Protein backbone atom coordinates (compact mmCIF):
# COMPACT_ATOMS: atom_id res chain seq x y z
CA UNK A 1 103.85 143.46 24.48
CA UNK A 2 104.47 145.55 27.49
CA UNK A 3 100.70 145.63 27.97
CA UNK A 4 100.57 141.83 27.90
CA UNK A 5 103.41 141.52 30.37
CA UNK A 6 101.78 144.02 32.69
CA UNK A 7 98.45 142.38 32.24
CA UNK A 8 100.08 139.00 32.90
CA UNK A 9 101.83 140.25 36.00
CA UNK A 10 98.83 141.79 37.69
CA UNK A 11 96.84 138.58 37.90
CA UNK A 12 99.91 136.84 39.39
CA UNK A 13 100.11 139.48 42.13
CA UNK A 14 96.44 138.95 42.91
CA UNK A 15 97.00 135.19 43.19
CA UNK A 16 99.95 135.70 45.55
CA UNK A 17 97.87 138.07 47.66
CA UNK A 18 95.00 135.59 47.87
CA UNK A 19 97.43 132.73 48.67
CA UNK A 20 98.96 134.65 51.57
CA UNK A 21 95.52 135.57 52.89
CA UNK A 22 94.36 131.92 52.75
CA UNK A 23 97.55 130.76 54.52
CA UNK A 24 97.13 133.41 57.23
CA UNK A 25 93.50 132.43 57.83
CA UNK A 26 94.46 128.73 57.89
CA UNK A 27 97.22 129.44 60.44
CA UNK A 28 94.80 131.37 62.65
CA UNK A 29 92.28 128.51 62.51
CA UNK A 30 94.98 125.98 63.48
CA UNK A 31 96.22 128.18 66.34
CA UNK A 32 92.66 128.62 67.61
CA UNK A 33 91.95 124.89 67.43
CA UNK A 34 95.24 124.08 69.22
CA UNK A 35 94.54 126.63 71.95
CA UNK A 36 91.00 125.34 72.42
CA UNK A 37 92.23 121.75 72.59
CA UNK A 38 94.89 122.65 75.15
CA UNK A 39 92.32 124.53 77.24
CA UNK A 40 90.00 121.49 77.15
CA UNK A 41 92.82 119.14 78.23
CA UNK A 42 93.80 121.42 81.13
CA UNK A 43 90.19 121.63 82.32
CA UNK A 44 89.82 117.87 82.09
CA UNK A 45 92.92 117.43 84.25
CA UNK A 46 94.84 115.58 81.56
CA UNK A 47 97.36 118.38 81.12
CA UNK A 48 98.86 120.61 83.81
CA UNK A 49 97.32 120.98 87.26
CA UNK A 50 93.65 121.63 87.71
CA UNK A 51 92.03 122.54 91.01
CA UNK A 52 89.88 119.41 90.99
CA UNK A 53 92.91 117.08 90.76
CA UNK A 54 94.68 118.81 93.67
CA UNK A 55 91.57 118.68 95.84
CA UNK A 56 91.06 114.99 95.10
CA UNK A 57 94.69 114.14 95.96
CA UNK A 58 94.46 116.14 99.17
CA UNK A 59 91.31 114.23 100.25
CA UNK A 60 93.00 110.86 99.73
CA UNK A 61 95.92 111.51 102.10
CA UNK A 62 95.69 111.19 105.89
CA UNK A 63 95.45 114.63 107.48
CA UNK A 64 97.38 116.00 110.43
CA UNK A 65 95.09 116.01 113.48
CA UNK A 66 95.39 118.97 115.84
CA UNK A 67 95.02 118.48 119.57
CA UNK A 68 91.38 118.68 120.55
CA UNK A 69 90.13 117.86 117.02
CA UNK A 70 88.07 114.74 116.45
CA UNK A 71 89.69 112.12 114.26
CA UNK A 72 87.04 110.69 111.90
CA UNK A 73 89.20 107.56 111.41
CA UNK A 74 90.09 106.98 115.07
CA UNK A 75 90.07 103.27 115.96
CA UNK A 76 87.16 102.23 118.15
CA UNK A 77 88.26 101.45 121.70
CA UNK A 78 87.24 98.24 123.42
CA UNK A 79 86.33 99.82 126.74
CA UNK A 80 84.16 98.14 129.31
CA UNK A 81 81.48 100.08 131.13
CA UNK A 82 82.94 102.36 133.80
CA UNK A 83 86.53 101.98 132.57
CA UNK A 84 86.54 104.74 129.94
CA UNK A 85 88.87 107.62 130.69
CA UNK A 86 88.66 110.82 128.66
CA UNK A 87 91.87 111.63 126.82
CA UNK A 88 93.37 114.97 127.83
CA UNK A 89 95.88 116.74 125.60
CA UNK A 90 98.56 119.03 127.05
CA UNK A 91 98.71 122.63 125.87
CA UNK A 92 102.46 122.68 125.19
CA UNK A 93 104.68 120.95 122.68
CA UNK A 94 103.39 119.99 119.27
CA UNK A 95 100.05 121.39 118.18
CA UNK A 96 99.24 117.99 116.64
CA UNK A 97 97.87 114.91 118.37
CA UNK A 98 100.23 111.90 118.46
CA UNK A 99 98.92 108.34 118.14
CA UNK A 100 100.99 105.20 118.78
CA UNK A 101 100.99 101.73 117.29
CA UNK A 102 102.52 98.77 119.15
CA UNK A 103 103.77 95.87 117.06
CA UNK A 104 102.31 92.63 118.40
CA UNK A 105 105.50 90.55 118.54
CA UNK A 106 109.22 91.13 119.06
CA UNK A 107 111.66 91.24 116.15
CA UNK A 108 114.67 88.88 116.25
CA UNK A 109 117.48 88.88 113.70
CA UNK A 110 121.19 88.33 113.18
CA UNK A 111 123.29 91.45 112.83
CA UNK A 112 125.36 92.17 109.72
CA UNK A 113 128.61 90.13 109.52
CA UNK A 114 128.12 88.95 113.09
CA UNK A 115 126.95 85.89 114.99
CA UNK A 116 125.17 88.17 117.46
CA UNK A 117 121.39 88.26 117.62
CA UNK A 118 119.29 91.33 118.31
CA UNK A 119 115.79 91.13 119.77
CA UNK A 120 113.71 94.30 119.88
CA UNK A 121 110.18 95.29 120.70
CA UNK A 122 108.88 98.24 118.67
CA UNK A 123 106.21 100.91 118.57
CA UNK A 124 105.79 103.82 116.16
CA UNK A 125 103.96 107.12 116.14
CA UNK A 126 101.98 109.25 113.72
CA UNK A 127 100.41 112.68 113.90
CA UNK A 128 98.09 111.80 111.01
CA UNK A 129 94.53 110.51 111.23
CA UNK A 130 93.60 106.95 112.17
CA UNK A 131 93.99 105.59 108.64
CA UNK A 132 97.74 105.29 109.26
CA UNK A 133 97.07 103.11 112.33
CA UNK A 134 94.66 100.96 110.34
CA UNK A 135 97.25 100.55 107.56
CA UNK A 136 99.94 99.59 110.07
CA UNK A 137 97.73 96.81 111.40
CA UNK A 138 96.63 95.72 107.92
CA UNK A 139 100.19 95.51 106.54
CA UNK A 140 102.02 94.39 109.69
CA UNK A 141 103.29 91.23 107.99
CA UNK A 142 104.95 93.16 105.14
CA UNK A 143 106.30 95.73 107.61
CA UNK A 144 107.78 92.98 109.81
CA UNK A 145 109.56 91.54 106.80
CA UNK A 146 111.03 94.93 105.83
CA UNK A 147 112.18 95.63 109.41
CA UNK A 148 113.91 92.24 109.58
CA UNK A 149 115.80 93.16 106.40
CA UNK A 150 116.89 96.43 108.02
CA UNK A 151 118.02 94.60 111.18
CA UNK A 152 120.00 92.03 109.18
CA UNK A 153 121.80 94.91 107.45
CA UNK A 154 122.75 96.60 110.75
CA UNK A 155 126.41 96.39 111.87
CA UNK A 156 126.95 95.08 115.40
CA UNK A 157 128.59 98.33 116.54
CA UNK A 158 125.36 100.25 115.72
CA UNK A 159 123.52 98.09 118.26
CA UNK A 160 125.78 99.31 121.09
CA UNK A 161 125.98 103.08 120.53
CA UNK A 162 123.26 105.69 121.01
CA UNK A 163 124.12 107.20 117.61
CA UNK A 164 123.81 103.78 115.96
CA UNK A 165 120.43 103.17 117.57
CA UNK A 166 119.15 106.59 116.42
CA UNK A 167 120.34 105.77 112.89
CA UNK A 168 118.58 102.39 113.11
CA UNK A 169 115.35 104.10 114.22
CA UNK A 170 115.48 106.40 111.18
CA UNK A 171 116.10 103.46 108.83
CA UNK A 172 113.16 101.57 110.35
CA UNK A 173 110.90 104.61 110.01
CA UNK A 174 111.87 104.79 106.34
CA UNK A 175 111.24 101.05 105.89
CA UNK A 176 107.74 101.28 107.40
CA UNK A 177 106.86 104.31 105.29
CA UNK A 178 108.20 102.52 102.21
CA UNK A 179 105.78 99.61 102.76
CA UNK A 180 102.84 101.92 103.46
CA UNK A 181 103.60 104.04 100.39
CA UNK A 182 103.83 100.96 98.18
CA UNK A 183 100.58 99.48 99.49
CA UNK A 184 98.44 102.53 100.33
CA UNK A 185 100.13 105.42 98.52
CA UNK A 186 101.10 107.30 101.69
CA UNK A 187 103.49 106.68 104.62
CA UNK A 188 102.60 108.83 107.62
CA UNK A 189 104.81 107.28 110.33
CA UNK A 190 106.86 109.96 112.12
CA UNK A 191 109.03 107.98 114.55
CA UNK A 192 109.94 104.45 115.62
CA UNK A 193 110.53 103.69 119.31
CA UNK A 194 112.34 100.80 121.00
CA UNK A 195 110.28 99.31 123.82
CA UNK A 196 113.07 96.80 124.49
CA UNK A 197 116.46 96.22 122.87
CA UNK A 198 118.52 93.11 123.60
CA UNK A 199 121.73 91.94 121.91
CA UNK A 200 122.99 88.38 122.58
């Protein structure tokens, strides 16, 4: 009987050994397939960051334009013959070129919790390429609406102090960039400037 038990036990050990070997091979195959799938997803840009995705995103955003560099998106000037003046950049200050956009009409609004009216004329600046200027013109209606909301939410005391006006400029810059980001995916406006500021 002891021979039968031993004989019966040996085949069981062989089966357990084969079962472990099959499980180990199966696990290695699954790990290899998972690793290969992950590698393929990363290369395709569906998982993680791939170089192609970063390059594409970088190309879609307006670039900073250094002084003296040509802006491929610069708006075409409407100069008459003999009136063109070459633009000269100073050597000091910022190393980037600044372009300005003038809003076509004044902004008029009531101030927050006040019967006073504010009327302002605005311009803004960007150091990015000409696409930002094109977007400002294209979306001026939406930008005007957002600026009027900012003005209507401005306390009267902010309209009379330098600190209040600086705070208002920052809020307007944020409002313009919000519209541009929602419509074009990128803001690009650096500053807002008051050309005139009247409270009645």
